[in-house]
Protein backbone atom coordinates (compact mmCIF):
# COMPACT_ATOMS: atom_id res chain seq x y z
CA MET A 1 -0.01 0.01 -0.01
CA ASP A 2 1.63 3.29 -1.12
CA THR A 3 -1.22 5.67 -0.37
CA GLY A 4 -4.08 5.72 2.07
CA ASP A 5 -7.41 7.31 2.75
CA VAL A 6 -7.59 9.21 6.04
CA PHE A 7 -11.33 9.11 5.97
CA ASP A 8 -11.41 5.27 5.94
CA PRO A 9 -11.65 4.22 9.56
CA ASN A 10 -9.78 0.97 8.75
CA CYS A 11 -6.87 2.73 6.98
CA PRO A 12 -3.54 2.77 8.77
CA THR A 13 -3.08 6.44 7.89
CA ARG A 14 -5.03 7.09 11.12
CA VAL A 15 -2.01 5.71 13.03
CA VAL A 16 0.25 8.13 11.12
CA LEU A 17 -1.98 11.05 12.02
CA ASP A 18 -1.88 10.02 15.62
CA ARG A 19 1.93 10.09 15.59
CA ILE A 20 2.38 13.40 13.86
CA GLY A 21 -0.48 14.97 15.80
CA ASP A 22 1.17 14.13 19.14
CA LYS A 23 2.72 17.29 20.68
CA TRP A 24 5.86 15.48 21.83
CA SER A 25 6.51 14.05 18.42
CA ALA A 26 6.07 17.47 16.82
CA LEU A 27 8.47 19.08 19.27
CA VAL A 28 11.03 16.28 18.88
CA LEU A 29 10.84 16.72 15.08
CA LEU A 30 11.29 20.51 15.30
CA CYS A 31 14.23 20.10 17.61
CA LEU A 32 16.04 17.54 15.48
CA VAL A 33 15.72 19.43 12.22
CA GLY A 34 18.94 21.28 13.07
CA GLY A 35 20.88 18.06 13.44
CA PRO A 36 21.48 15.15 15.84
CA MET A 37 20.92 15.71 19.55
CA ARG A 38 21.56 13.80 22.71
CA PHE A 39 18.70 12.77 24.96
CA THR A 40 19.46 15.28 27.70
CA LYS A 41 19.79 18.21 25.28
CA LEU A 42 16.63 17.22 23.53
CA ARG A 43 14.76 17.06 26.83
CA GLU A 44 16.15 20.47 27.92
CA ARG A 45 15.20 22.00 24.61
CA ILE A 46 11.64 20.67 24.64
CA GLY A 47 10.99 21.47 28.32
CA GLY A 48 8.20 19.95 30.38
CA VAL A 49 8.56 16.39 29.12
CA THR A 50 9.40 13.56 31.51
CA PRO A 51 12.27 11.19 30.65
CA LYS A 52 9.72 8.31 30.36
CA VAL A 53 7.48 10.15 27.91
CA LEU A 54 10.45 11.34 25.82
CA THR A 55 11.83 7.81 25.69
CA GLN A 56 8.46 6.47 24.58
CA THR A 57 8.15 9.15 21.95
CA LEU A 58 11.59 8.61 20.57
CA ARG A 59 11.07 4.84 20.40
CA ALA A 60 7.76 5.26 18.60
CA MET A 61 9.26 7.75 16.16
CA GLU A 62 12.18 5.31 15.56
CA GLN A 63 9.72 2.46 14.86
CA ASP A 64 7.84 4.72 12.44
CA GLY A 65 11.05 5.53 10.57
CA LEU A 66 11.13 9.22 11.50
CA VAL A 67 14.14 9.14 13.83
CA THR A 68 17.41 7.19 14.08
CA ARG A 69 19.14 6.29 17.30
CA GLU A 70 22.98 6.01 17.23
CA VAL A 71 24.90 4.59 20.12
CA PHE A 72 28.56 5.52 20.33
CA ALA A 73 31.02 3.14 22.06
CA GLU A 74 32.29 5.61 24.61
CA VAL A 75 32.51 5.78 28.40
CA PRO A 76 30.01 6.88 29.42
CA PRO A 77 27.92 5.72 26.45
CA ARG A 78 26.69 8.48 24.12
CA VAL A 79 23.44 8.22 22.26
CA GLU A 80 22.32 10.67 19.58
CA TYR A 81 18.96 10.95 17.87
CA ALA A 82 18.58 12.31 14.32
CA LEU A 83 15.85 12.70 11.72
CA THR A 84 15.67 10.26 8.85
CA ASP A 85 14.91 11.50 5.33
CA LEU A 86 11.27 10.67 6.06
CA GLY A 87 11.41 12.72 9.23
CA HIS A 88 12.99 15.67 7.38
CA SER A 89 10.19 15.49 4.81
CA LEU A 90 7.73 16.20 7.62
CA HIS A 91 9.58 19.38 8.73
CA GLY A 92 7.78 21.72 6.27
CA PRO A 93 4.26 20.89 7.28
CA MET A 94 5.18 20.70 10.99
CA ALA A 95 6.96 24.04 10.88
CA ALA A 96 3.95 25.59 9.27
CA VAL A 97 1.70 24.28 12.07
CA ALA A 98 4.12 25.51 14.75
CA THR A 99 4.25 28.96 13.12
CA TRP A 100 0.46 29.08 12.92
CA ALA A 101 0.24 28.13 16.59
CA GLU A 102 2.69 30.83 17.62
CA GLN A 103 0.87 33.47 15.58
CA ASN A 104 -2.63 32.54 16.83
CA VAL A 105 -2.13 31.54 20.46
CA GLY A 106 -3.38 34.83 21.78
CA GLN A 107 -6.63 34.70 19.85
CA ILE A 108 -7.23 31.07 20.92
CA LEU A 109 -6.56 31.88 24.61
CA ARG A 110 -8.95 34.84 24.43
CA SER A 111 -11.62 32.61 22.89
CA ARG A 112 -11.12 30.02 25.58
CA GLU A 113 -11.44 32.69 28.24
CA MET A 114 -14.73 33.91 26.80
CA HIS A 115 -16.14 30.37 26.75
CA SER A 116 -15.21 29.39 30.25
């Protein structure tokens, strides 16, 4: 299967949407677009994510082919995460969503306040 139909409830594209719609996956992708990062630097850059959640997110992104994990034989061991070509291909759409969120957060917060 090369293409899917997001409106078909049985289509696996729904799983893809779940992955790229997850806030942690989006933030990981945006962090790694500048190049490989170690776990600690990634966690510091993202902010507010627990080690457990970041580990789960990175593993899921690796399984989906968006991220690679490279272990260096050093003492102490060094591990770096990087985007794959597939991950890089998602940068444009994800950057557009991030920019939209930054530009419209004020309006959304005001709307929420009016409706609470």
